[in-house]
């Protein structure tokens, strides 16, 4: 249950952040908003690490370099969401982002990127995906 609650909170925070980023982007530009957002996010995370006394930095050498650089993707995520918000509005942008996350994750799981177990989709899962995509199209038009 804790995982579901955290996932729901994450979804709410992504929506709030995307809305704030769009407003910031209107005033100072999309890439500048991405830099500001990542900078404040870094500061907040470092403060939480300091408050909690977490010393797991010692394990950083065990993380592969390409995973360490994964945070750089956030700049493109933020830029994309800001630009999409301006073109589509909040509901369509968030919905499309969620669908694309689901499809990308399903593809990665199907390819076995997250472990040995390869995901096998059955008809109900494919129908669910098609219904979600149909919902996005209904919101868009």
Protein backbone atom coordinates (compact mmCIF):
# COMPACT_ATOMS: atom_id res chain seq x y z
CA UNK A 1 0.00 0.00 0.00
CA UNK A 2 2.90 2.35 0.74
CA UNK A 3 4.04 2.02 -2.88
CA UNK A 4 0.61 2.96 -4.22
CA UNK A 5 0.38 6.00 -1.93
CA UNK A 6 3.83 7.16 -3.00
CA UNK A 7 2.95 6.63 -6.68
CA UNK A 8 -0.21 8.72 -6.26
CA UNK A 9 1.76 11.45 -4.50
CA UNK A 10 4.35 11.33 -7.27
CA UNK A 11 1.62 11.80 -9.86
CA UNK A 12 0.20 14.78 -7.97
CA UNK A 13 3.67 16.31 -7.58
CA UNK A 14 4.47 15.81 -11.30
CA UNK A 15 1.27 17.64 -12.21
CA UNK A 16 1.98 20.48 -9.77
CA UNK A 17 5.57 20.74 -10.96
CA UNK A 18 4.55 20.73 -14.63
CA UNK A 19 2.05 23.52 -14.01
CA UNK A 20 4.64 25.57 -12.12
CA UNK A 21 7.24 24.92 -14.82
CA UNK A 22 4.85 26.15 -17.52
CA UNK A 23 4.25 29.37 -15.56
CA UNK A 24 7.99 29.85 -14.97
CA UNK A 25 8.68 29.08 -18.63
CA UNK A 26 6.25 31.84 -19.69
CA UNK A 27 8.29 34.36 -17.74
CA UNK A 28 11.90 33.30 -18.26
CA UNK A 29 11.95 30.62 -20.97
CA UNK A 30 11.62 26.84 -21.03
CA UNK A 31 15.29 25.91 -20.70
CA UNK A 32 15.75 28.47 -17.93
CA UNK A 33 12.74 26.99 -16.14
CA UNK A 34 14.31 23.54 -16.49
CA UNK A 35 17.56 24.81 -14.98
CA UNK A 36 15.74 26.55 -12.11
CA UNK A 37 13.60 23.49 -11.40
CA UNK A 38 16.54 21.10 -11.41
CA UNK A 39 18.57 23.48 -9.24
CA UNK A 40 15.88 23.81 -6.61
CA UNK A 41 15.22 20.06 -6.78
CA UNK A 42 18.91 19.38 -6.19
CA UNK A 43 18.97 21.76 -3.23
CA UNK A 44 15.85 20.17 -1.72
CA UNK A 45 17.22 16.65 -2.14
CA UNK A 46 20.56 17.61 -0.60
CA UNK A 47 18.76 19.21 2.36
CA UNK A 48 16.72 16.03 2.92
CA UNK A 49 19.88 13.91 2.71
CA UNK A 50 21.57 16.17 5.23
CA UNK A 51 18.58 16.18 7.61
CA UNK A 52 18.16 12.40 7.47
CA UNK A 53 21.88 11.77 7.83
CA UNK A 54 21.85 9.35 4.90
CA UNK A 55 25.40 8.23 4.15
CA UNK A 56 24.70 6.00 1.16
CA UNK A 57 26.88 8.22 -1.07
CA UNK A 58 29.58 5.68 -0.30
CA UNK A 59 27.88 3.33 -2.76
CA UNK A 60 28.03 5.78 -5.68
CA UNK A 61 30.99 3.97 -7.24
CA UNK A 62 28.73 0.93 -7.70
CA UNK A 63 26.37 2.88 -9.97
CA UNK A 64 27.18 2.63 -13.68
CA UNK A 65 28.14 5.93 -15.30
CA UNK A 66 25.24 5.99 -17.75
CA UNK A 67 22.83 5.67 -14.82
CA UNK A 68 24.58 8.49 -12.97
CA UNK A 69 24.02 10.73 -15.97
CA UNK A 70 20.31 9.85 -16.11
CA UNK A 71 19.40 13.03 -14.28
CA UNK A 72 20.40 14.98 -17.37
CA UNK A 73 17.26 13.57 -19.00
CA UNK A 74 15.25 15.73 -16.59
CA UNK A 75 16.19 18.84 -18.58
CA UNK A 76 14.53 17.37 -21.66
CA UNK A 77 11.59 16.07 -19.64
CA UNK A 78 10.96 19.52 -18.18
CA UNK A 79 11.39 21.29 -21.52
CA UNK A 80 9.04 18.82 -23.24
CA UNK A 81 6.37 19.12 -20.57
CA UNK A 82 6.52 22.94 -20.54
CA UNK A 83 6.20 23.11 -24.32
CA UNK A 84 3.41 20.51 -24.35
CA UNK A 85 1.51 22.40 -21.62
CA UNK A 86 1.56 25.51 -23.82
CA UNK A 87 0.24 23.59 -26.83
CA UNK A 88 -2.15 21.10 -25.20
CA UNK A 89 -3.12 22.34 -21.75
CA UNK A 90 -2.69 20.42 -18.52
CA UNK A 91 -5.13 17.50 -18.89
CA UNK A 92 -4.03 16.38 -22.34
CA UNK A 93 -0.33 16.84 -21.55
CA UNK A 94 -0.42 14.87 -18.32
CA UNK A 95 -2.58 12.16 -19.89
CA UNK A 96 -0.29 11.82 -22.90
CA UNK A 97 2.77 11.72 -20.64
CA UNK A 98 1.22 8.95 -18.55
CA UNK A 99 0.29 6.89 -21.60
CA UNK A 100 3.78 7.30 -23.06
CA UNK A 101 5.32 6.26 -19.74
CA UNK A 102 3.13 3.17 -19.65
CA UNK A 103 3.93 2.23 -23.24
CA UNK A 104 7.67 2.82 -22.80
CA UNK A 105 7.72 0.82 -19.58
CA UNK A 106 5.77 -2.03 -21.15
CA UNK A 107 8.21 -2.08 -24.05
CA UNK A 108 11.20 -2.12 -21.73
CA UNK A 109 9.69 -4.85 -19.55
CA UNK A 110 8.79 -6.87 -22.64
CA UNK A 111 12.42 -6.58 -23.78
CA UNK A 112 13.57 -7.74 -20.33
CA UNK A 113 15.42 -4.53 -19.42
CA UNK A 114 14.36 -4.69 -15.76
CA UNK A 115 15.36 -8.25 -15.02
CA UNK A 116 15.07 -11.79 -16.20
CA UNK A 117 11.29 -11.95 -16.14
CA UNK A 118 9.88 -10.89 -19.50
CA UNK A 119 6.39 -9.39 -19.41
CA UNK A 120 3.71 -11.24 -21.35
CA UNK A 121 0.72 -9.11 -22.24
CA UNK A 122 -2.66 -10.73 -22.72
CA UNK A 123 -5.74 -9.38 -24.47
CA UNK A 124 -7.10 -7.53 -21.38
CA UNK A 125 -3.86 -5.54 -21.04
CA UNK A 126 -3.86 -4.60 -24.73
CA UNK A 127 -7.52 -3.57 -24.48
CA UNK A 128 -6.71 -1.42 -21.43
CA UNK A 129 -3.89 0.31 -23.29
CA UNK A 130 -6.13 0.98 -26.29
CA UNK A 131 -8.85 2.40 -23.99
CA UNK A 132 -6.33 4.77 -22.39
CA UNK A 133 -5.13 5.95 -25.80
CA UNK A 134 -8.75 6.41 -26.89
CA UNK A 135 -9.33 8.51 -23.76
CA UNK A 136 -6.39 10.77 -24.67
CA UNK A 137 -7.78 11.20 -28.18
CA UNK A 138 -11.19 12.09 -26.71
CA UNK A 139 -9.59 14.74 -24.49
CA UNK A 140 -7.65 16.16 -27.44
CA UNK A 141 -10.51 16.69 -29.86
